Amino acid sequence: MLDNLLFGINDVVLMALTTITMVLSSTSDTVAIAYNLAIPSAILACIILGEKFDTIDFIFATVNGTGLVLISKSRIDNSEVSQETSVLGLLLSFGCLFLCCLLPIAPRRLAHRGKEDPNLLTFMAGSCGLVMTSVYLTVTNSWMLPQTSYEIFMCLLLGFFTVVSFCAYTRALKTECALAVVLGLTLCIPLTYCYDVIFGNQGIKLLTVAGVCLTVGSTICFYVKSYCVTSS
């Protein structure tokens, strides 16, 4: 029960922190850091769950960290926003990364004990979100209900897809290798940049491209190596 509760609280804090970060930093840069999950998750799994992390994994982690440094430097050098805002956005992005890496720990701990229940995890996350956000909105007197039918429809649509995606995520953690799940999330990084370029008319610096290639490339190599070791 405690793991389920911690999972829900962690998810709520993560969503709130991600929303704040996207105000201070670009969506693509936030996603590039926060969803770079595979290798940082493996490091945390090694520390918390005692899972194996060898020399080759350390090399991949070094390459991955180099990519994050390049993305961060490109963001700080961005002249469109102040340096203080860029640094704060980056710090919050790394906070999101840490919480994202912690998110699979509870399901994996439960799975190790054969008590994984995706529906219960989804319910706990939703319940924690409802309670915590309701208290915050009441204390700050910032309730703002949707006014038009379009806003109501979009809120309902967002809620529906949130529940579906969250349940699919927790079920995937139960039935698939956790590394394969976080790899799928990591692959959304280049897609987010493509969206910004095509629909947002935003330019991307060469330094950012190099950083994304290093982070995504090291993640894919890490997965291939782990898959080969598991298969053999």
C-alpha atoms as a PDB file:
ATOM      1  CA  MET A   1       0.000   0.000   0.000  1.00  0.00           C
ATOM      2  CA  LEU A   2       2.846   2.396   0.862  1.00  0.00           C
ATOM      3  CA  ASP A   3       4.549   1.807  -2.499  1.00  0.00           C
ATOM      4  CA  ASN A   4       1.284   2.553  -4.304  1.00  0.00           C
ATOM      5  CA  LEU A   5       0.815   5.762  -2.301  1.00  0.00           C
ATOM      6  CA  LEU A   6       4.388   6.923  -2.917  1.00  0.00           C
ATOM      7  CA  PHE A   7       3.959   6.151  -6.605  1.00  0.00           C
ATOM      8  CA  GLY A   8       0.876   8.371  -6.760  1.00  0.00           C
ATOM      9  CA  ILE A   9       2.469  11.267  -4.861  1.00  0.00           C
ATOM     10  CA  ASN A  10       5.621  11.078  -6.976  1.00  0.00           C
ATOM     11  CA  ASP A  11       3.564  11.179 -10.168  1.00  0.00           C
ATOM     12  CA  VAL A  12       1.585  14.240  -9.039  1.00  0.00           C
ATOM     13  CA  VAL A  13       4.726  16.151  -8.062  1.00  0.00           C
ATOM     14  CA  LEU A  14       6.324  15.144 -11.361  1.00  0.00           C
ATOM     15  CA  MET A  15       3.396  16.426 -13.431  1.00  0.00           C
ATOM     16  CA  ALA A  16       3.324  19.734 -11.545  1.00  0.00           C
ATOM     17  CA  LEU A  17       7.077  20.196 -11.857  1.00  0.00           C
ATOM     18  CA  THR A  18       7.007  19.368 -15.578  1.00  0.00           C
ATOM     19  CA  THR A  19       4.274  21.940 -16.192  1.00  0.00           C
ATOM     20  CA  ILE A  20       6.265  24.643 -14.384  1.00  0.00           C
ATOM     21  CA  THR A  21       9.448  23.674 -16.232  1.00  0.00           C
ATOM     22  CA  MET A  22       7.803  23.988 -19.643  1.00  0.00           C
ATOM     23  CA  VAL A  23       6.905  27.593 -18.779  1.00  0.00           C
ATOM     24  CA  LEU A  24      10.548  28.436 -18.014  1.00  0.00           C
ATOM     25  CA  SER A  25      12.118  26.310 -20.744  1.00  0.00           C
ATOM     26  CA  SER A  26      11.133  25.040 -24.172  1.00  0.00           C
ATOM     27  CA  THR A  27       9.037  21.883 -24.342  1.00  0.00           C
ATOM     28  CA  SER A  28      11.595  20.042 -26.469  1.00  0.00           C
ATOM     29  CA  ASP A  29      14.520  20.839 -24.141  1.00  0.00           C
ATOM     30  CA  THR A  30      12.457  19.799 -21.115  1.00  0.00           C
ATOM     31  CA  VAL A  31      11.476  16.503 -22.770  1.00  0.00           C
ATOM     32  CA  ALA A  32      15.067  15.882 -23.915  1.00  0.00           C
ATOM     33  CA  ILE A  33      16.274  15.988 -20.311  1.00  0.00           C
ATOM     34  CA  ALA A  34      13.275  14.669 -18.366  1.00  0.00           C
ATOM     35  CA  TYR A  35      12.573  11.678 -20.669  1.00  0.00           C
ATOM     36  CA  ASN A  36      16.199  10.589 -20.955  1.00  0.00           C
ATOM     37  CA  LEU A  37      15.248   7.740 -18.659  1.00  0.00           C
ATOM     38  CA  ALA A  38      16.961   4.487 -19.552  1.00  0.00           C
ATOM     39  CA  ILE A  39      20.504   5.002 -18.280  1.00  0.00           C
ATOM     40  CA  PRO A  40      19.654   7.195 -15.233  1.00  0.00           C
ATOM     41  CA  SER A  41      16.945   4.639 -14.338  1.00  0.00           C
ATOM     42  CA  ALA A  42      19.513   1.848 -14.547  1.00  0.00           C
ATOM     43  CA  ILE A  43      21.814   3.772 -12.198  1.00  0.00           C
ATOM     44  CA  LEU A  44      19.004   4.282  -9.669  1.00  0.00           C
ATOM     45  CA  ALA A  45      17.950   0.638 -10.039  1.00  0.00           C
ATOM     46  CA  CYS A  46      21.528  -0.351  -9.255  1.00  0.00           C
ATOM     47  CA  ILE A  47      21.516   1.833  -6.133  1.00  0.00           C
ATOM     48  CA  ILE A  48      17.993   1.106  -4.858  1.00  0.00           C
ATOM     49  CA  LEU A  49      17.213  -2.378  -6.195  1.00  0.00           C
ATOM     50  CA  GLY A  50      20.765  -3.735  -6.377  1.00  0.00           C
ATOM     51  CA  GLU A  51      20.575  -4.446 -10.117  1.00  0.00           C
ATOM     52  CA  LYS A  52      23.751  -4.974 -12.146  1.00  0.00           C
ATOM     53  CA  PHE A  53      25.634  -2.011 -13.679  1.00  0.00           C
ATOM     54  CA  ASP A  54      28.946  -2.944 -15.346  1.00  0.00           C
ATOM     55  CA  THR A  55      31.823  -1.088 -17.034  1.00  0.00           C
ATOM     56  CA  ILE A  56      30.161  -0.907 -20.453  1.00  0.00           C
ATOM     57  CA  ASP A  57      27.061   0.544 -18.818  1.00  0.00           C
ATOM     58  CA  PHE A  58      29.288   3.174 -17.201  1.00  0.00           C
ATOM     59  CA  ILE A  59      30.689   4.123 -20.626  1.00  0.00           C
ATOM     60  CA  PHE A  60      27.165   4.510 -22.007  1.00  0.00           C
ATOM     61  CA  ALA A  61      26.266   6.600 -18.950  1.00  0.00           C
ATOM     62  CA  THR A  62      29.259   8.879 -19.602  1.00  0.00           C
ATOM     63  CA  VAL A  63      28.219   9.404 -23.233  1.00  0.00           C
ATOM     64  CA  ASN A  64      24.651  10.004 -22.100  1.00  0.00           C
ATOM     65  CA  GLY A  65      25.768  12.567 -19.543  1.00  0.00           C
ATOM     66  CA  THR A  66      27.859  14.332 -22.188  1.00  0.00           C
ATOM     67  CA  GLY A  67      24.756  14.655 -24.341  1.00  0.00           C
ATOM     68  CA  LEU A  68      22.857  16.198 -21.439  1.00  0.00           C
ATOM     69  CA  VAL A  69      25.686  18.699 -20.902  1.00  0.00           C
ATOM     70  CA  LEU A  70      25.544  19.747 -24.574  1.00  0.00           C
ATOM     71  CA  ILE A  71      21.766  20.207 -24.425  1.00  0.00           C
ATOM     72  CA  SER A  72      22.107  22.204 -21.211  1.00  0.00           C
ATOM     73  CA  LYS A  73      24.879  24.426 -22.615  1.00  0.00           C
ATOM     74  CA  SER A  74      22.845  25.125 -25.732  1.00  0.00           C
ATOM     75  CA  ARG A  75      19.901  26.118 -23.569  1.00  0.00           C
ATOM     76  CA  ILE A  76      21.973  28.441 -21.360  1.00  0.00           C
ATOM     77  CA  ASP A  77      23.517  30.115 -24.430  1.00  0.00           C
ATOM     78  CA  ASN A  78      20.040  30.827 -25.804  1.00  0.00           C
ATOM     79  CA  SER A  79      19.768  34.608 -26.067  1.00  0.00           C
ATOM     80  CA  GLU A  80      15.957  34.596 -26.199  1.00  0.00           C
ATOM     81  CA  VAL A  81      15.626  34.141 -22.435  1.00  0.00           C
ATOM     82  CA  SER A  82      17.617  35.375 -19.444  1.00  0.00           C
ATOM     83  CA  GLN A  83      20.409  33.202 -18.109  1.00  0.00           C
ATOM     84  CA  GLU A  84      18.737  32.956 -14.694  1.00  0.00           C
ATOM     85  CA  THR A  85      15.535  31.636 -16.282  1.00  0.00           C
ATOM     86  CA  SER A  86      17.506  29.153 -18.389  1.00  0.00           C
ATOM     87  CA  VAL A  87      19.417  27.837 -15.377  1.00  0.00           C
ATOM     88  CA  LEU A  88      16.236  27.524 -13.296  1.00  0.00           C
ATOM     89  CA  GLY A  89      14.497  25.725 -16.168  1.00  0.00           C
ATOM     90  CA  LEU A  90      17.423  23.311 -16.488  1.00  0.00           C
ATOM     91  CA  LEU A  91      17.503  22.604 -12.743  1.00  0.00           C
ATOM     92  CA  LEU A  92      13.779  21.861 -12.770  1.00  0.00           C
ATOM     93  CA  SER A  93      14.246  19.668 -15.869  1.00  0.00           C
ATOM     94  CA  PHE A  94      16.834  17.581 -14.038  1.00  0.00           C
ATOM     95  CA  GLY A  95      14.444  17.434 -11.089  1.00  0.00           C
ATOM     96  CA  CYS A  96      11.830  16.023 -13.479  1.00  0.00           C
ATOM     97  CA  LEU A  97      14.395  13.501 -14.731  1.00  0.00           C
ATOM     98  CA  PHE A  98      15.068  12.325 -11.176  1.00  0.00           C
ATOM     99  CA  LEU A  99      11.353  11.927 -10.422  1.00  0.00           C
ATOM    100  CA  CYS A 100      10.777  10.182 -13.774  1.00  0.00           C
ATOM    101  CA  CYS A 101      13.519   7.708 -12.907  1.00  0.00           C
ATOM    102  CA  LEU A 102      11.984   7.096  -9.482  1.00  0.00           C
ATOM    103  CA  LEU A 103       8.549   6.496 -11.026  1.00  0.00           C
ATOM    104  CA  PRO A 104       9.207   2.896 -12.201  1.00  0.00           C
ATOM    105  CA  ILE A 105      10.845   1.902  -8.900  1.00  0.00           C
ATOM    106  CA  ALA A 106       7.568   1.260  -7.031  1.00  0.00           C
ATOM    107  CA  PRO A 107       6.053  -0.931  -9.795  1.00  0.00           C
ATOM    108  CA  ARG A 108       9.298  -2.867 -10.094  1.00  0.00           C
ATOM    109  CA  ARG A 109       9.467  -3.397  -6.330  1.00  0.00           C
ATOM    110  CA  LEU A 110       5.877  -4.634  -6.394  1.00  0.00           C
ATOM    111  CA  ALA A 111       6.564  -6.791  -9.446  1.00  0.00           C
ATOM    112  CA  HIS A 112       9.465  -8.419  -7.630  1.00  0.00           C
ATOM    113  CA  ARG A 113       6.985  -9.463  -4.931  1.00  0.00           C
ATOM    114  CA  GLY A 114       4.306 -10.512  -7.423  1.00  0.00           C
ATOM    115  CA  LYS A 115       1.930  -7.768  -6.228  1.00  0.00           C
ATOM    116  CA  GLU A 116       1.936  -5.503  -9.266  1.00  0.00           C
ATOM    117  CA  ASP A 117      -1.542  -4.115  -9.991  1.00  0.00           C
ATOM    118  CA  PRO A 118      -1.600  -1.540 -12.838  1.00  0.00           C
ATOM    119  CA  ASN A 119      -5.194  -0.542 -12.120  1.00  0.00           C
ATOM    120  CA  LEU A 120      -4.435   0.131  -8.447  1.00  0.00           C
ATOM    121  CA  LEU A 121      -1.365   2.193  -9.361  1.00  0.00           C
ATOM    122  CA  THR A 122      -3.422   4.262 -11.801  1.00  0.00           C
ATOM    123  CA  PHE A 123      -6.138   4.764  -9.181  1.00  0.00           C
ATOM    124  CA  MET A 124      -3.637   5.835  -6.518  1.00  0.00           C
ATOM    125  CA  ALA A 125      -1.960   8.298  -8.881  1.00  0.00           C
ATOM    126  CA  GLY A 126      -5.317   9.801  -9.833  1.00  0.00           C
ATOM    127  CA  SER A 127      -6.513   9.972  -6.223  1.00  0.00           C
ATOM    128  CA  CYS A 128      -3.322  11.654  -5.038  1.00  0.00           C
ATOM    129  CA  GLY A 129      -3.570  14.121  -7.897  1.00  0.00           C
ATOM    130  CA  LEU A 130      -7.189  14.955  -7.088  1.00  0.00           C
ATOM    131  CA  VAL A 131      -6.525  15.516  -3.386  1.00  0.00           C
ATOM    132  CA  MET A 132      -3.261  17.447  -3.719  1.00  0.00           C
ATOM    133  CA  THR A 133      -4.409  19.732  -6.535  1.00  0.00           C
ATOM    134  CA  SER A 134      -7.763  20.386  -4.839  1.00  0.00           C
ATOM    135  CA  VAL A 135      -6.010  21.466  -1.649  1.00  0.00           C
ATOM    136  CA  TYR A 136      -3.598  23.682  -3.597  1.00  0.00           C
ATOM    137  CA  LEU A 137      -6.346  25.349  -5.637  1.00  0.00           C
ATOM    138  CA  THR A 138      -8.415  25.942  -2.499  1.00  0.00           C
ATOM    139  CA  VAL A 139      -5.538  27.413  -0.483  1.00  0.00           C
ATOM    140  CA  THR A 140      -4.420  29.685  -3.336  1.00  0.00           C
ATOM    141  CA  ASN A 141      -8.016  30.494  -4.350  1.00  0.00           C
ATOM    142  CA  SER A 142      -7.141  29.766  -7.964  1.00  0.00           C
ATOM    143  CA  TRP A 143     -10.025  27.555  -9.058  1.00  0.00           C
ATOM    144  CA  MET A 144     -10.799  28.208 -12.721  1.00  0.00           C
ATOM    145  CA  LEU A 145     -13.387  25.905 -14.286  1.00  0.00           C
ATOM    146  CA  PRO A 146     -13.679  25.532 -18.078  1.00  0.00           C
ATOM    147  CA  GLN A 147     -16.150  28.033 -19.516  1.00  0.00           C
ATOM    148  CA  THR A 148     -16.892  26.844 -23.056  1.00  0.00           C
ATOM    149  CA  SER A 149     -17.958  23.478 -24.413  1.00  0.00           C
ATOM    150  CA  TYR A 150     -14.643  23.286 -26.289  1.00  0.00           C
ATOM    151  CA  GLU A 151     -12.663  23.723 -23.055  1.00  0.00           C
ATOM    152  CA  ILE A 152     -14.811  21.110 -21.307  1.00  0.00           C
ATOM    153  CA  PHE A 153     -14.316  18.675 -24.192  1.00  0.00           C
ATOM    154  CA  MET A 154     -10.533  19.198 -24.228  1.00  0.00           C
ATOM    155  CA  CYS A 155     -10.332  18.690 -20.444  1.00  0.00           C
ATOM    156  CA  LEU A 156     -12.313  15.453 -20.686  1.00  0.00           C
ATOM    157  CA  LEU A 157     -10.203  14.309 -23.642  1.00  0.00           C
ATOM    158  CA  LEU A 158      -7.001  15.073 -21.757  1.00  0.00           C
ATOM    159  CA  GLY A 159      -8.256  13.180 -18.716  1.00  0.00           C
ATOM    160  CA  PHE A 160      -9.238  10.163 -20.829  1.00  0.00           C
ATOM    161  CA  PHE A 161      -5.900   9.905 -22.616  1.00  0.00           C
ATOM    162  CA  THR A 162      -4.034  10.475 -19.351  1.00  0.00           C
ATOM    163  CA  VAL A 163      -5.764   7.515 -17.705  1.00  0.00           C
ATOM    164  CA  VAL A 164      -5.319   5.283 -20.773  1.00  0.00           C
ATOM    165  CA  SER A 165      -1.631   6.136 -21.228  1.00  0.00           C
ATOM    166  CA  PHE A 166      -0.912   5.798 -17.513  1.00  0.00           C
ATOM    167  CA  CYS A 167      -2.601   2.412 -17.285  1.00  0.00           C
ATOM    168  CA  ALA A 168      -0.752   1.257 -20.414  1.00  0.00           C
ATOM    169  CA  TYR A 169       2.524   2.452 -18.892  1.00  0.00           C
ATOM    170  CA  THR A 170       2.030   0.549 -15.636  1.00  0.00           C
ATOM    171  CA  ARG A 171       0.887  -2.588 -17.476  1.00  0.00           C
ATOM    172  CA  ALA A 172       3.965  -2.375 -19.692  1.00  0.00           C
ATOM    173  CA  LEU A 173       6.161  -2.245 -16.600  1.00  0.00           C
ATOM    174  CA  LYS A 174       4.502  -5.462 -15.451  1.00  0.00           C
ATOM    175  CA  THR A 175       4.636  -7.435 -18.694  1.00  0.00           C
ATOM    176  CA  GLU A 176       7.744  -6.043 -20.399  1.00  0.00           C
ATOM    177  CA  CYS A 177      11.326  -5.302 -19.476  1.00  0.00           C
ATOM    178  CA  ALA A 178      11.412  -1.918 -17.738  1.00  0.00           C
ATOM    179  CA  LEU A 179      14.325  -0.882 -19.956  1.00  0.00           C
ATOM    180  CA  ALA A 180      12.222  -1.480 -23.069  1.00  0.00           C
ATOM    181  CA  VAL A 181       9.464   0.714 -21.626  1.00  0.00           C
ATOM    182  CA  VAL A 182      11.730   3.663 -20.821  1.00  0.00           C
ATOM    183  CA  LEU A 183      13.431   3.267 -24.211  1.00  0.00           C
ATOM    184  CA  GLY A 184      10.061   3.830 -25.861  1.00  0.00           C
ATOM    185  CA  LEU A 185       9.614   7.007 -23.808  1.00  0.00           C
ATOM    186  CA  THR A 186      13.127   8.179 -24.700  1.00  0.00           C
ATOM    187  CA  LEU A 187      12.379   7.917 -28.419  1.00  0.00           C
ATOM    188  CA  CYS A 188       9.805  10.695 -28.043  1.00  0.00           C
ATOM    189  CA  ILE A 189      12.704  13.167 -27.652  1.00  0.00           C
ATOM    190  CA  PRO A 190      13.535  13.506 -31.381  1.00  0.00           C
ATOM    191  CA  LEU A 191       9.808  13.504 -32.199  1.00  0.00           C
ATOM    192  CA  THR A 192       9.297  16.507 -29.908  1.00  0.00           C
ATOM    193  CA  TYR A 193      12.071  18.435 -31.636  1.00  0.00           C
ATOM    194  CA  CYS A 194      10.583  17.539 -35.035  1.00  0.00           C
ATOM    195  CA  TYR A 195       7.227  18.892 -33.848  1.00  0.00           C
ATOM    196  CA  ASP A 196       8.834  22.165 -32.737  1.00  0.00           C
ATOM    197  CA  VAL A 197      10.598  22.560 -36.086  1.00  0.00           C
ATOM    198  CA  ILE A 198       7.625  21.645 -38.296  1.00  0.00           C
ATOM    199  CA  PHE A 199       4.722  23.192 -36.381  1.00  0.00           C
ATOM    200  CA  GLY A 200       6.444  25.655 -34.049  1.00  0.00           C
ATOM    201  CA  ASN A 201       8.864  27.149 -36.592  1.00  0.00           C
ATOM    202  CA  GLN A 202      11.671  26.888 -34.042  1.00  0.00           C
ATOM    203  CA  GLY A 203      15.309  26.546 -34.986  1.00  0.00           C
ATOM    204  CA  ILE A 204      17.584  23.963 -33.372  1.00  0.00           C
ATOM    205  CA  LYS A 205      21.255  24.600 -32.672  1.00  0.00           C
ATOM    206  CA  LEU A 206      23.888  22.138 -33.842  1.00  0.00           C
ATOM    207  CA  LEU A 207      25.000  21.720 -30.228  1.00  0.00           C
ATOM    208  CA  THR A 208      21.495  20.605 -29.277  1.00  0.00           C
ATOM    209  CA  VAL A 209      21.364  18.137 -32.183  1.00  0.00           C
ATOM    210  CA  ALA A 210      24.698  16.656 -31.074  1.00  0.00           C
ATOM    211  CA  GLY A 211      23.441  16.353 -27.499  1.00  0.00           C
ATOM    212  CA  VAL A 212      20.214  14.645 -28.577  1.00  0.00           C
ATOM    213  CA  CYS A 213      22.165  12.222 -30.798  1.00  0.00           C
ATOM    214  CA  LEU A 214      24.444  11.300 -27.890  1.00  0.00           C
ATOM    215  CA  THR A 215      21.614  10.802 -25.388  1.00  0.00           C
ATOM    216  CA  VAL A 216      19.307   8.848 -27.705  1.00  0.00           C
ATOM    217  CA  GLY A 217      22.196   6.937 -29.309  1.00  0.00           C
ATOM    218  CA  SER A 218      23.653   5.857 -25.971  1.00  0.00           C
ATOM    219  CA  THR A 219      20.181   4.811 -24.813  1.00  0.00           C
ATOM    220  CA  ILE A 220      19.637   2.623 -27.888  1.00  0.00           C
ATOM    221  CA  CYS A 221      23.119   1.077 -27.537  1.00  0.00           C
ATOM    222  CA  PHE A 222      22.428   0.462 -23.853  1.00  0.00           C
ATOM    223  CA  TYR A 223      19.188  -1.344 -24.700  1.00  0.00           C
ATOM    224  CA  VAL A 224      20.824  -3.438 -27.461  1.00  0.00           C
ATOM    225  CA  LYS A 225      23.614  -4.446 -25.091  1.00  0.00           C
ATOM    226  CA  SER A 226      21.140  -5.346 -22.336  1.00  0.00           C
ATOM    227  CA  TYR A 227      18.980  -7.310 -24.792  1.00  0.00           C
ATOM    228  CA  CYS A 228      21.978  -9.285 -26.069  1.00  0.00           C
ATOM    229  CA  VAL A 229      23.082 -10.105 -22.527  1.00  0.00           C
ATOM    230  CA  THR A 230      19.556 -11.208 -21.587  1.00  0.00           C
ATOM    231  CA  SER A 231      19.143 -13.313 -24.751  1.00  0.00           C
ATOM    232  CA  SER A 232      22.444 -15.095 -24.242  1.00  0.00           C
END
